[in-house]
Amino acid sequence: MPKVKMPRKSTAIDMTAMCDVAFLLLTFFMLATKFKPDEPVTVVTPSSINTTLLPDSDVLLFTVDKDGRVFFSMDGQAKRKKMIEDLNSQFKLGLGEKEIKSFITGASVGTPIKDLKNYLSVSEDERKKQGLDKGIPTDSANNELKTWIEYGMAAQEGNFSKLKYCIKADNATPYPKIKEILDTFKEKKIQKLNLVTNLKAAPQGTAAWQEEQAAAHGKKE
């Protein structure tokens, strides 16, 4: 008796639901993602062979441009909120909700404390037009850098073990300005600092170069 062959049928999978889910997820991430604000100044850092990466959290970052202007930045909106509220209370700045939010969600800040209200009340473009990006004073007569360090530390609420102090200076920054900053940290008894640099290849024949070569050969094997 001959065998009866059943006709083959291709399996059809309806992908409509999966496509809907994918587009919904894509839309959610596009709307929910917050991009990092642009920095007020562009800095060309010196090069080094250090491969240590700058941490994403627990950092007080001090940026110094080629003209010696100093800008302060700190991660964490909750910490930034505490810091600006403490500054507002201590120095009676009269900041409103708009100015406080501008500090919490903004980028680096570089202006004398007395000008903070005006600085935070306008956009980045307006700050440049009005010349408000004067930088944080660091001279001996009015060294406000100490204040930013103190209040930045206070905003950590005692969690200092992981806190890192980083200086991101332009390659053309005058040395006297760098010395003022280093002397301020020394006065605050902060001895361990991190300098932000660009990565360059280790010179051939040096110990660092030999380590890179050994690591490269190890990966090939």
N, C-alpha and C. Protein backbone atom coordinates (compact mmCIF):
# COMPACT_ATOMS: atom_id res chain seq x y z
N MET A 1 0.86 -1.20 0.00
CA MET A 1 0.00 0.00 0.00
C MET A 1 0.89 1.24 0.00
N PRO A 2 0.69 2.12 -0.93
CA PRO A 2 1.57 3.30 -1.00
C PRO A 2 1.38 4.22 0.20
N LYS A 3 2.53 4.87 0.61
CA LYS A 3 2.48 5.82 1.74
C LYS A 3 1.91 7.16 1.27
N VAL A 4 1.12 7.72 2.14
CA VAL A 4 0.52 9.02 1.83
C VAL A 4 1.42 10.12 2.39
N LYS A 5 1.90 10.96 1.52
CA LYS A 5 2.76 12.06 1.97
C LYS A 5 1.91 13.29 2.29
N MET A 6 2.17 13.79 3.45
CA MET A 6 1.45 15.00 3.86
C MET A 6 2.11 16.22 3.21
N PRO A 7 1.35 17.11 2.71
CA PRO A 7 1.94 18.31 2.10
C PRO A 7 2.68 19.16 3.14
N ARG A 8 3.85 19.65 2.73
CA ARG A 8 4.64 20.49 3.63
C ARG A 8 4.13 21.93 3.61
N LYS A 9 4.07 22.47 4.78
CA LYS A 9 3.63 23.86 4.90
C LYS A 9 4.69 24.67 5.62
N SER A 10 4.99 25.82 5.09
CA SER A 10 5.98 26.69 5.75
C SER A 10 5.36 27.32 6.99
N THR A 11 6.21 27.48 8.00
CA THR A 11 5.74 28.08 9.25
C THR A 11 5.74 29.60 9.12
N ALA A 12 4.63 30.20 9.32
CA ALA A 12 4.52 31.66 9.23
C ALA A 12 4.48 32.24 10.64
N ILE A 13 5.40 33.17 10.88
CA ILE A 13 5.47 33.83 12.19
C ILE A 13 5.08 35.29 12.02
N ASP A 14 4.10 35.70 12.74
CA ASP A 14 3.64 37.09 12.68
C ASP A 14 4.57 37.96 13.54
N MET A 15 5.37 38.82 12.89
CA MET A 15 6.35 39.67 13.60
C MET A 15 5.78 41.04 13.94
N THR A 16 4.51 41.25 13.68
CA THR A 16 3.93 42.58 13.91
C THR A 16 4.05 43.01 15.37
N ALA A 17 3.73 42.09 16.27
CA ALA A 17 3.79 42.42 17.69
C ALA A 17 5.22 42.74 18.13
N MET A 18 6.19 41.96 17.64
CA MET A 18 7.60 42.20 18.00
C MET A 18 8.07 43.56 17.49
N CYS A 19 7.65 43.92 16.27
CA CYS A 19 8.02 45.22 15.71
C CYS A 19 7.44 46.36 16.54
N ASP A 20 6.20 46.16 16.98
CA ASP A 20 5.55 47.19 17.81
C ASP A 20 6.32 47.39 19.11
N VAL A 21 6.72 46.29 19.74
CA VAL A 21 7.47 46.37 21.00
C VAL A 21 8.81 47.06 20.77
N ALA A 22 9.49 46.71 19.67
CA ALA A 22 10.80 47.30 19.38
C ALA A 22 10.69 48.81 19.19
N PHE A 23 9.68 49.25 18.45
CA PHE A 23 9.50 50.68 18.23
C PHE A 23 9.10 51.41 19.51
N LEU A 24 8.30 50.76 20.35
CA LEU A 24 7.93 51.36 21.62
C LEU A 24 9.16 51.55 22.51
N LEU A 25 10.03 50.53 22.57
CA LEU A 25 11.26 50.63 23.36
C LEU A 25 12.17 51.72 22.82
N LEU A 26 12.31 51.77 21.49
CA LEU A 26 13.14 52.80 20.87
C LEU A 26 12.63 54.19 21.18
N THR A 27 11.31 54.37 21.09
CA THR A 27 10.71 55.67 21.39
C THR A 27 10.92 56.05 22.85
N PHE A 28 10.78 55.06 23.75
CA PHE A 28 10.96 55.33 25.18
C PHE A 28 12.37 55.82 25.47
N PHE A 29 13.38 55.11 24.92
CA PHE A 29 14.77 55.50 25.19
C PHE A 29 15.12 56.84 24.56
N MET A 30 14.53 57.14 23.41
CA MET A 30 14.79 58.43 22.78
C MET A 30 14.25 59.58 23.62
N LEU A 31 13.08 59.35 24.22
CA LEU A 31 12.46 60.40 25.04
C LEU A 31 13.04 60.49 26.44
N ALA A 32 13.49 59.35 26.97
CA ALA A 32 13.96 59.31 28.36
C ALA A 32 15.44 59.64 28.50
N THR A 33 16.21 59.48 27.43
CA THR A 33 17.64 59.71 27.52
C THR A 33 17.95 61.19 27.69
N LYS A 34 18.83 61.49 28.64
CA LYS A 34 19.27 62.86 28.87
C LYS A 34 20.74 62.97 28.46
N PHE A 35 21.00 63.83 27.48
CA PHE A 35 22.35 63.99 27.00
C PHE A 35 23.14 64.92 27.91
N LYS A 36 24.44 64.65 27.98
CA LYS A 36 25.31 65.47 28.82
C LYS A 36 25.41 66.88 28.25
N PRO A 37 25.22 67.93 29.06
CA PRO A 37 25.29 69.30 28.54
C PRO A 37 26.69 69.61 28.00
N ASP A 38 26.73 70.50 27.01
CA ASP A 38 28.02 70.92 26.46
C ASP A 38 28.80 71.71 27.49
N GLU A 39 30.12 71.52 27.47
CA GLU A 39 30.98 72.27 28.38
C GLU A 39 31.12 73.70 27.87
N PRO A 40 31.26 74.68 28.77
CA PRO A 40 31.35 76.08 28.34
C PRO A 40 32.65 76.43 27.62
N VAL A 41 33.70 75.63 27.82
CA VAL A 41 34.98 75.90 27.18
C VAL A 41 35.55 74.62 26.57
N THR A 42 36.36 74.79 25.55
CA THR A 42 37.06 73.67 24.93
C THR A 42 38.49 73.63 25.44
N VAL A 43 38.91 72.47 25.90
CA VAL A 43 40.24 72.33 26.48
C VAL A 43 41.03 71.26 25.72
N VAL A 44 42.26 71.62 25.33
CA VAL A 44 43.16 70.67 24.68
C VAL A 44 44.14 70.20 25.75
N THR A 45 43.92 69.00 26.26
CA THR A 45 44.75 68.50 27.37
C THR A 45 46.08 67.97 26.87
N PRO A 46 47.11 67.98 27.72
CA PRO A 46 48.39 67.38 27.34
C PRO A 46 48.27 65.87 27.20
N SER A 47 49.26 65.26 26.58
CA SER A 47 49.24 63.82 26.35
C SER A 47 50.09 63.09 27.37
N SER A 48 49.73 61.84 27.66
CA SER A 48 50.51 60.99 28.55
C SER A 48 50.24 59.54 28.18
N ILE A 49 51.00 58.63 28.77
CA ILE A 49 50.82 57.20 28.48
C ILE A 49 50.01 56.52 29.58
N ASN A 50 49.44 57.31 30.48
CA ASN A 50 48.61 56.75 31.55
C ASN A 50 47.29 56.25 30.97
N THR A 51 46.95 55.01 31.25
CA THR A 51 45.73 54.40 30.69
C THR A 51 44.56 54.40 31.68
N THR A 52 44.73 55.02 32.84
CA THR A 52 43.64 55.06 33.83
C THR A 52 42.50 55.93 33.31
N LEU A 53 41.28 55.41 33.36
CA LEU A 53 40.12 56.13 32.86
C LEU A 53 39.52 57.03 33.93
N LEU A 54 38.98 58.17 33.50
CA LEU A 54 38.30 59.08 34.42
C LEU A 54 36.99 58.45 34.86
N PRO A 55 36.74 58.32 36.17
CA PRO A 55 35.50 57.70 36.64
C PRO A 55 34.27 58.51 36.24
N ASP A 56 33.13 57.82 36.19
CA ASP A 56 31.87 58.48 35.84
C ASP A 56 31.17 59.09 37.05
N SER A 57 31.59 58.70 38.24
CA SER A 57 30.91 59.19 39.45
C SER A 57 31.93 59.48 40.54
N ASP A 58 31.46 60.19 41.58
CA ASP A 58 32.30 60.54 42.73
C ASP A 58 33.53 61.34 42.29
N VAL A 59 33.29 62.38 41.49
CA VAL A 59 34.38 63.19 40.95
C VAL A 59 34.08 64.67 41.14
N LEU A 60 35.07 65.41 41.61
CA LEU A 60 35.05 66.87 41.55
C LEU A 60 36.01 67.25 40.44
N LEU A 61 35.49 67.83 39.36
CA LEU A 61 36.31 68.15 38.19
C LEU A 61 36.50 69.65 38.07
N PHE A 62 37.75 70.06 37.96
CA PHE A 62 38.10 71.47 37.79
C PHE A 62 38.75 71.64 36.42
N THR A 63 38.05 72.32 35.53
CA THR A 63 38.55 72.54 34.17
C THR A 63 39.18 73.91 34.08
N VAL A 64 40.37 73.98 33.46
CA VAL A 64 41.10 75.24 33.33
C VAL A 64 41.40 75.47 31.85
N ASP A 65 40.90 76.56 31.29
CA ASP A 65 41.13 76.80 29.87
C ASP A 65 42.47 77.50 29.65
N LYS A 66 42.80 77.77 28.40
CA LYS A 66 44.12 78.33 28.07
C LYS A 66 44.32 79.74 28.61
N ASP A 67 43.21 80.42 28.94
CA ASP A 67 43.30 81.77 29.51
C ASP A 67 43.35 81.76 31.03
N GLY A 68 43.31 80.55 31.62
CA GLY A 68 43.40 80.44 33.07
C GLY A 68 42.08 80.52 33.79
N ARG A 69 40.97 80.49 33.05
CA ARG A 69 39.65 80.50 33.71
C ARG A 69 39.35 79.11 34.26
N VAL A 70 38.83 79.08 35.49
CA VAL A 70 38.57 77.81 36.18
C VAL A 70 37.07 77.56 36.25
N PHE A 71 36.68 76.32 35.92
CA PHE A 71 35.28 75.90 35.95
C PHE A 71 35.13 74.67 36.84
N PHE A 72 34.00 74.60 37.54
CA PHE A 72 33.74 73.50 38.48
C PHE A 72 32.62 72.62 37.96
N SER A 73 32.77 71.31 38.15
CA SER A 73 31.71 70.37 37.80
C SER A 73 31.71 69.22 38.79
N MET A 74 30.52 68.65 39.01
CA MET A 74 30.36 67.53 39.92
C MET A 74 29.23 66.65 39.42
N ASP A 75 29.39 65.33 39.53
CA ASP A 75 28.36 64.41 39.07
C ASP A 75 27.26 64.27 40.13
N GLY A 76 26.11 63.75 39.68
CA GLY A 76 25.03 63.44 40.62
C GLY A 76 24.11 64.62 40.88
N GLN A 77 22.88 64.55 40.37
CA GLN A 77 21.95 65.66 40.53
C GLN A 77 21.55 65.88 41.99
N ALA A 78 21.47 64.80 42.76
CA ALA A 78 21.11 64.96 44.18
C ALA A 78 22.20 65.72 44.92
N LYS A 79 23.45 65.41 44.60
CA LYS A 79 24.58 66.11 45.24
C LYS A 79 24.67 67.56 44.77
N ARG A 80 24.40 67.78 43.49
CA ARG A 80 24.43 69.15 42.97
C ARG A 80 23.31 69.98 43.60
N LYS A 81 22.17 69.34 43.85
CA LYS A 81 21.04 70.05 44.48
C LYS A 81 21.41 70.48 45.89
N LYS A 82 22.03 69.58 46.65
CA LYS A 82 22.43 69.92 48.02
C LYS A 82 23.46 71.05 48.01
N MET A 83 24.39 70.97 47.08
CA MET A 83 25.46 71.97 47.04
C MET A 83 24.92 73.36 46.72
N ILE A 84 24.07 73.48 45.70
CA ILE A 84 23.58 74.80 45.32
C ILE A 84 22.64 75.36 46.39
N GLU A 85 21.90 74.50 47.07
CA GLU A 85 21.04 74.98 48.15
C GLU A 85 21.88 75.47 49.33
N ASP A 86 22.98 74.78 49.62
CA ASP A 86 23.88 75.22 50.70
C ASP A 86 24.53 76.56 50.34
N LEU A 87 24.98 76.71 49.09
CA LEU A 87 25.58 77.97 48.66
C LEU A 87 24.57 79.09 48.69
N ASN A 88 23.36 78.81 48.26
CA ASN A 88 22.30 79.82 48.24
C ASN A 88 21.97 80.30 49.64
N SER A 89 21.94 79.35 50.59
CA SER A 89 21.63 79.70 51.97
C SER A 89 22.77 80.47 52.64
N GLN A 90 24.01 79.99 52.43
CA GLN A 90 25.16 80.58 53.10
C GLN A 90 25.46 81.99 52.60
N PHE A 91 25.39 82.18 51.28
CA PHE A 91 25.77 83.47 50.69
C PHE A 91 24.57 84.34 50.33
N LYS A 92 23.36 83.86 50.70
CA LYS A 92 22.14 84.64 50.47
C LYS A 92 22.08 85.13 49.02
N LEU A 93 22.12 84.19 48.09
CA LEU A 93 22.17 84.51 46.67
C LEU A 93 20.79 84.85 46.10
N GLY A 94 19.74 84.42 46.78
CA GLY A 94 18.39 84.69 46.30
C GLY A 94 18.04 83.90 45.05
N LEU A 95 18.54 82.69 44.95
CA LEU A 95 18.27 81.87 43.77
C LEU A 95 16.84 81.36 43.79
N GLY A 96 16.20 81.39 42.62
CA GLY A 96 14.87 80.84 42.50
C GLY A 96 14.92 79.41 41.99
N GLU A 97 13.73 78.86 41.77
CA GLU A 97 13.65 77.47 41.30
C GLU A 97 14.34 77.30 39.95
N LYS A 98 14.21 78.28 39.08
CA LYS A 98 14.81 78.21 37.74
C LYS A 98 16.34 78.14 37.83
N GLU A 99 16.92 79.02 38.65
CA GLU A 99 18.38 79.04 38.76
C GLU A 99 18.91 77.77 39.41
N ILE A 100 18.20 77.26 40.41
CA ILE A 100 18.63 76.04 41.09
C ILE A 100 18.58 74.85 40.13
N LYS A 101 17.51 74.78 39.34
CA LYS A 101 17.40 73.69 38.36
C LYS A 101 18.48 73.80 37.30
N SER A 102 18.82 75.02 36.92
CA SER A 102 19.88 75.23 35.93
C SER A 102 21.21 74.69 36.42
N PHE A 103 21.49 74.86 37.70
CA PHE A 103 22.73 74.33 38.27
C PHE A 103 22.68 72.80 38.36
N ILE A 104 21.54 72.27 38.78
CA ILE A 104 21.40 70.83 38.98
C ILE A 104 21.59 70.06 37.68
N THR A 105 21.01 70.56 36.60
CA THR A 105 21.03 69.84 35.33
C THR A 105 22.08 70.37 34.36
N GLY A 106 22.80 71.41 34.73
CA GLY A 106 23.74 72.03 33.81
C GLY A 106 25.11 71.40 33.80
N ALA A 107 26.01 72.05 33.09
CA ALA A 107 27.39 71.57 32.96
C ALA A 107 28.28 72.29 33.97
N SER A 108 29.50 72.56 33.58
CA SER A 108 30.45 73.22 34.48
C SER A 108 30.03 74.66 34.75
N VAL A 109 30.45 75.15 35.92
CA VAL A 109 30.13 76.52 36.33
C VAL A 109 31.44 77.27 36.54
N GLY A 110 31.52 78.47 35.97
CA GLY A 110 32.74 79.25 36.13
C GLY A 110 32.45 80.73 36.25
N THR A 111 32.16 81.18 37.45
CA THR A 111 31.85 82.59 37.69
C THR A 111 32.03 82.88 39.18
N PRO A 112 32.30 84.13 39.56
CA PRO A 112 32.33 84.46 40.99
C PRO A 112 30.99 84.16 41.65
N ILE A 113 31.01 83.78 42.89
CA ILE A 113 29.79 83.38 43.59
C ILE A 113 28.75 84.51 43.60
N LYS A 114 29.19 85.75 43.70
CA LYS A 114 28.25 86.87 43.75
C LYS A 114 27.46 87.02 42.44
N ASP A 115 27.99 86.45 41.35
CA ASP A 115 27.32 86.55 40.05
C ASP A 115 26.54 85.29 39.69
N LEU A 116 26.43 84.35 40.61
CA LEU A 116 25.79 83.07 40.31
C LEU A 116 24.34 83.22 39.86
N LYS A 117 23.59 84.10 40.50
CA LYS A 117 22.18 84.25 40.15
C LYS A 117 22.02 84.67 38.70
N ASN A 118 22.76 85.68 38.30
CA ASN A 118 22.69 86.16 36.92
C ASN A 118 23.22 85.09 35.96
N TYR A 119 24.27 84.40 36.37
CA TYR A 119 24.91 83.36 35.54
C TYR A 119 23.94 82.22 35.26
N LEU A 120 23.23 81.77 36.28
CA LEU A 120 22.33 80.62 36.14
C LEU A 120 20.99 80.97 35.53
N SER A 121 20.68 82.24 35.44
CA SER A 121 19.36 82.65 34.94
C SER A 121 19.31 82.77 33.43
N VAL A 122 20.47 82.69 32.76
CA VAL A 122 20.50 82.84 31.30
C VAL A 122 21.07 81.59 30.65
N SER A 123 20.90 81.49 29.35
CA SER A 123 21.38 80.33 28.60
C SER A 123 22.89 80.41 28.40
N GLU A 124 23.46 79.31 27.94
CA GLU A 124 24.91 79.25 27.70
C GLU A 124 25.33 80.29 26.67
N ASP A 125 24.54 80.47 25.62
CA ASP A 125 24.87 81.46 24.59
C ASP A 125 24.87 82.87 25.16
N GLU A 126 23.88 83.15 26.03
CA GLU A 126 23.80 84.48 26.64
C GLU A 126 24.98 84.73 27.58
N ARG A 127 25.41 83.69 28.26
CA ARG A 127 26.57 83.84 29.15
C ARG A 127 27.80 84.27 28.37
N LYS A 128 27.97 83.66 27.20
CA LYS A 128 29.12 84.02 26.37
C LYS A 128 28.99 85.43 25.83
N LYS A 129 27.77 85.80 25.41
CA LYS A 129 27.56 87.15 24.89
C LYS A 129 27.80 88.21 25.95
N GLN A 130 27.36 87.92 27.18
CA GLN A 130 27.49 88.89 28.27
C GLN A 130 28.83 88.79 29.00
N GLY A 131 29.65 87.83 28.61
CA GLY A 131 30.96 87.68 29.25
C GLY A 131 30.87 87.21 30.69
N LEU A 132 29.88 86.35 30.97
CA LEU A 132 29.70 85.88 32.35
C LEU A 132 30.61 84.71 32.71
N ASP A 133 31.20 84.07 31.70
CA ASP A 133 32.11 82.96 31.97
C ASP A 133 33.48 83.49 32.37
N LYS A 134 33.53 84.17 33.51
CA LYS A 134 34.78 84.80 33.96
C LYS A 134 35.72 83.80 34.63
N GLY A 135 35.16 82.67 35.08
CA GLY A 135 35.96 81.69 35.80
C GLY A 135 35.88 81.92 37.30
N ILE A 136 36.19 80.89 38.06
CA ILE A 136 36.19 80.98 39.52
C ILE A 136 37.48 81.68 39.98
N PRO A 137 37.36 82.73 40.79
CA PRO A 137 38.58 83.42 41.27
C PRO A 137 39.47 82.49 42.09
N THR A 138 40.77 82.54 41.82
CA THR A 138 41.72 81.68 42.54
C THR A 138 42.87 82.46 43.15
N ASP A 139 42.86 83.80 43.00
CA ASP A 139 43.98 84.59 43.53
C ASP A 139 43.91 84.67 45.04
N SER A 140 44.98 85.06 45.63
CA SER A 140 45.09 85.08 47.10
C SER A 140 44.12 86.08 47.73
N ALA A 141 43.78 87.15 47.00
CA ALA A 141 42.87 88.16 47.56
C ALA A 141 41.44 87.65 47.64
N ASN A 142 41.06 86.79 46.69
CA ASN A 142 39.68 86.29 46.66
C ASN A 142 39.69 84.87 46.07
N ASN A 143 40.14 83.93 46.89
CA ASN A 143 40.26 82.55 46.41
C ASN A 143 38.95 81.79 46.68
N GLU A 144 38.04 81.83 45.71
CA GLU A 144 36.77 81.14 45.88
C GLU A 144 36.86 79.66 45.53
N LEU A 145 38.00 79.25 44.99
CA LEU A 145 38.17 77.83 44.67
C LEU A 145 38.05 76.99 45.95
N LYS A 146 38.54 77.52 47.05
CA LYS A 146 38.44 76.81 48.34
C LYS A 146 36.97 76.57 48.70
N THR A 147 36.13 77.57 48.43
CA THR A 147 34.70 77.44 48.74
C THR A 147 34.07 76.32 47.92
N TRP A 148 34.40 76.26 46.62
CA TRP A 148 33.83 75.22 45.76
C TRP A 148 34.30 73.84 46.19
N ILE A 149 35.53 73.73 46.61
CA ILE A 149 36.04 72.44 47.10
C ILE A 149 35.30 72.04 48.38
N GLU A 150 35.17 72.98 49.31
CA GLU A 150 34.52 72.69 50.59
C GLU A 150 33.07 72.26 50.40
N TYR A 151 32.33 73.01 49.59
CA TYR A 151 30.91 72.70 49.41
C TYR A 151 30.71 71.46 48.53
N GLY A 152 31.66 71.22 47.63
CA GLY A 152 31.61 69.99 46.85
C GLY A 152 31.81 68.77 47.73
N MET A 153 32.71 68.89 48.70
CA MET A 153 32.94 67.80 49.65
C MET A 153 31.74 67.63 50.57
N ALA A 154 31.17 68.74 51.02
CA ALA A 154 30.02 68.67 51.92
C ALA A 154 28.82 68.01 51.25
N ALA A 155 28.71 68.16 49.93
CA ALA A 155 27.58 67.56 49.21
C ALA A 155 27.67 66.04 49.15
N GLN A 156 28.85 65.49 49.44
CA GLN A 156 29.01 64.03 49.44
C GLN A 156 28.42 63.40 50.70
N GLU A 157 28.12 64.24 51.71
CA GLU A 157 27.52 63.79 52.97
C GLU A 157 28.35 62.69 53.64
N GLY A 158 29.65 62.93 53.71
CA GLY A 158 30.52 62.02 54.43
C GLY A 158 31.09 60.89 53.63
N ASN A 159 30.65 60.70 52.38
CA ASN A 159 31.16 59.60 51.56
C ASN A 159 32.39 60.07 50.77
N PHE A 160 33.52 60.21 51.48
CA PHE A 160 34.73 60.74 50.86
C PHE A 160 35.67 59.64 50.36
N SER A 161 35.43 58.41 50.72
CA SER A 161 36.40 57.35 50.42
C SER A 161 36.63 57.17 48.93
N LYS A 162 35.58 57.34 48.12
CA LYS A 162 35.71 57.15 46.67
C LYS A 162 35.87 58.47 45.90
N LEU A 163 35.81 59.59 46.61
CA LEU A 163 35.85 60.89 45.94
C LEU A 163 37.21 61.15 45.31
N LYS A 164 37.19 61.59 44.05
CA LYS A 164 38.43 61.90 43.33
C LYS A 164 38.40 63.36 42.90
N TYR A 165 39.56 63.99 43.02
CA TYR A 165 39.72 65.39 42.63
C TYR A 165 40.51 65.43 41.32
N CYS A 166 39.89 65.91 40.27
CA CYS A 166 40.50 65.87 38.94
C CYS A 166 40.68 67.28 38.39
N ILE A 167 41.82 67.50 37.77
CA ILE A 167 42.13 68.78 37.12
C ILE A 167 42.30 68.53 35.63
N LYS A 168 41.48 69.22 34.85
CA LYS A 168 41.55 69.10 33.39
C LYS A 168 41.99 70.45 32.84
N ALA A 169 43.29 70.57 32.63
CA ALA A 169 43.86 71.86 32.22
C ALA A 169 44.28 71.82 30.76
N ASP A 170 44.17 72.97 30.11
CA ASP A 170 44.61 73.08 28.72
C ASP A 170 46.13 73.02 28.65
N ASN A 171 46.61 72.53 27.53
CA ASN A 171 48.06 72.42 27.34
C ASN A 171 48.74 73.79 27.38
N ALA A 172 47.97 74.85 27.09
CA ALA A 172 48.54 76.20 27.05
C ALA A 172 48.21 77.02 28.31
N THR A 173 47.64 76.40 29.32
CA THR A 173 47.32 77.12 30.56
C THR A 173 48.60 77.64 31.22
N PRO A 174 48.66 78.92 31.59
CA PRO A 174 49.87 79.45 32.25
C PRO A 174 50.17 78.69 33.54
N TYR A 175 51.43 78.40 33.77
CA TYR A 175 51.81 77.62 34.96
C TYR A 175 51.43 78.32 36.26
N PRO A 176 51.58 79.66 36.38
CA PRO A 176 51.18 80.31 37.65
C PRO A 176 49.73 79.99 38.04
N LYS A 177 48.84 79.85 37.06
CA LYS A 177 47.45 79.52 37.37
C LYS A 177 47.35 78.09 37.92
N ILE A 178 48.08 77.16 37.31
CA ILE A 178 48.09 75.78 37.80
C ILE A 178 48.65 75.74 39.22
N LYS A 179 49.68 76.53 39.48
CA LYS A 179 50.29 76.57 40.82
C LYS A 179 49.31 77.09 41.85
N GLU A 180 48.52 78.10 41.48
CA GLU A 180 47.50 78.62 42.40
C GLU A 180 46.52 77.51 42.79
N ILE A 181 46.11 76.73 41.80
CA ILE A 181 45.15 75.65 42.05
C ILE A 181 45.77 74.58 42.92
N LEU A 182 47.00 74.19 42.61
CA LEU A 182 47.67 73.15 43.41
C LEU A 182 47.91 73.62 44.84
N ASP A 183 48.26 74.88 44.99
CA ASP A 183 48.48 75.43 46.34
C ASP A 183 47.17 75.44 47.14
N THR A 184 46.06 75.67 46.46
CA THR A 184 44.76 75.66 47.14
C THR A 184 44.43 74.27 47.66
N PHE A 185 44.65 73.26 46.83
CA PHE A 185 44.43 71.88 47.28
C PHE A 185 45.37 71.52 48.42
N LYS A 186 46.60 71.99 48.34
CA LYS A 186 47.57 71.71 49.42
C LYS A 186 47.11 72.35 50.71
N GLU A 187 46.57 73.56 50.61
CA GLU A 187 46.06 74.25 51.80
C GLU A 187 44.89 73.49 52.42
N LYS A 188 44.10 72.84 51.56
CA LYS A 188 42.96 72.05 52.05
C LYS A 188 43.39 70.64 52.47
N LYS A 189 44.71 70.41 52.45
CA LYS A 189 45.30 69.12 52.85
C LYS A 189 44.81 67.97 51.95
N ILE A 190 44.62 68.30 50.68
CA ILE A 190 44.28 67.28 49.68
C ILE A 190 45.54 67.04 48.85
N GLN A 191 46.14 65.90 49.04
CA GLN A 191 47.43 65.62 48.42
C GLN A 191 47.30 64.81 47.13
N LYS A 192 46.24 64.02 47.01
CA LYS A 192 46.10 63.14 45.85
C LYS A 192 45.18 63.77 44.82
N LEU A 193 45.76 64.14 43.67
CA LEU A 193 45.01 64.74 42.58
C LEU A 193 45.18 63.91 41.32
N ASN A 194 44.21 64.03 40.42
CA ASN A 194 44.26 63.32 39.15
C ASN A 194 44.26 64.34 38.02
N LEU A 195 45.27 64.27 37.14
CA LEU A 195 45.35 65.17 36.00
C LEU A 195 44.78 64.47 34.77
N VAL A 196 43.84 65.12 34.11
CA VAL A 196 43.19 64.54 32.93
C VAL A 196 44.06 64.81 31.71
N THR A 197 44.42 63.76 30.97
CA THR A 197 45.29 63.89 29.80
C THR A 197 44.75 63.07 28.64
N ASN A 198 45.33 63.28 27.46
CA ASN A 198 45.04 62.45 26.30
C ASN A 198 46.01 61.29 26.27
N LEU A 199 45.54 60.16 25.81
CA LEU A 199 46.38 58.97 25.75
C LEU A 199 47.27 59.00 24.50
N LYS A 200 48.55 58.73 24.69
CA LYS A 200 49.46 58.59 23.55
C LYS A 200 50.24 57.28 23.69
N ALA A 201 50.83 56.84 22.60
CA ALA A 201 51.59 55.59 22.61
C ALA A 201 52.85 55.74 23.45
N ALA A 202 53.20 54.70 24.17
CA ALA A 202 54.41 54.72 24.99
C ALA A 202 55.64 54.72 24.08
N PRO A 203 56.67 55.49 24.42
CA PRO A 203 57.90 55.50 23.61
C PRO A 203 58.51 54.11 23.51
N GLN A 204 58.97 53.77 22.31
CA GLN A 204 59.53 52.45 22.08
C GLN A 204 60.78 52.22 22.93
N GLY A 205 60.82 51.04 23.54
CA GLY A 205 61.97 50.68 24.37
C GLY A 205 61.78 50.94 25.85
N THR A 206 60.75 51.71 26.21
CA THR A 206 60.50 52.00 27.62
C THR A 206 59.79 50.83 28.28
N ALA A 207 59.75 50.86 29.62
CA ALA A 207 59.09 49.79 30.37
C ALA A 207 57.61 49.72 30.02
N ALA A 208 56.97 50.88 29.85
CA ALA A 208 55.55 50.91 29.50
C ALA A 208 55.33 50.29 28.12
N TRP A 209 56.23 50.58 27.18
CA TRP A 209 56.12 49.99 25.83
C TRP A 209 56.26 48.48 25.89
N GLN A 210 57.21 48.01 26.70
CA GLN A 210 57.41 46.56 26.83
C GLN A 210 56.18 45.88 27.43
N GLU A 211 55.54 46.54 28.39
CA GLU A 211 54.31 45.98 28.97
C GLU A 211 53.20 45.90 27.93
N GLU A 212 53.08 46.94 27.09
CA GLU A 212 52.07 46.93 26.03
C GLU A 212 52.32 45.80 25.04
N GLN A 213 53.60 45.61 24.69
CA GLN A 213 53.95 44.54 23.75
C GLN A 213 53.64 43.17 24.34
N ALA A 214 53.97 42.99 25.61
CA ALA A 214 53.72 41.71 26.27
C ALA A 214 52.22 41.43 26.34
N ALA A 215 51.43 42.46 26.63
CA ALA A 215 49.99 42.29 26.69
C ALA A 215 49.42 41.95 25.32
N ALA A 216 49.94 42.60 24.26
CA ALA A 216 49.48 42.35 22.91
C ALA A 216 49.78 40.91 22.48
N HIS A 217 50.99 40.43 22.81
CA HIS A 217 51.37 39.05 22.46
C HIS A 217 50.53 38.05 23.25
N GLY A 218 50.21 38.40 24.50
CA GLY A 218 49.39 37.51 25.32
C GLY A 218 48.01 37.31 24.74
N LYS A 219 47.43 38.40 24.16
CA LYS A 219 46.10 38.29 23.55
C LYS A 219 46.13 37.42 22.29
N LYS A 220 47.22 37.54 21.51
CA LYS A 220 47.31 36.74 20.28
C LYS A 220 47.39 35.25 20.59
N GLU A 221 48.10 34.93 21.66
CA GLU A 221 48.23 33.52 22.05
C GLU A 221 46.94 32.98 22.63
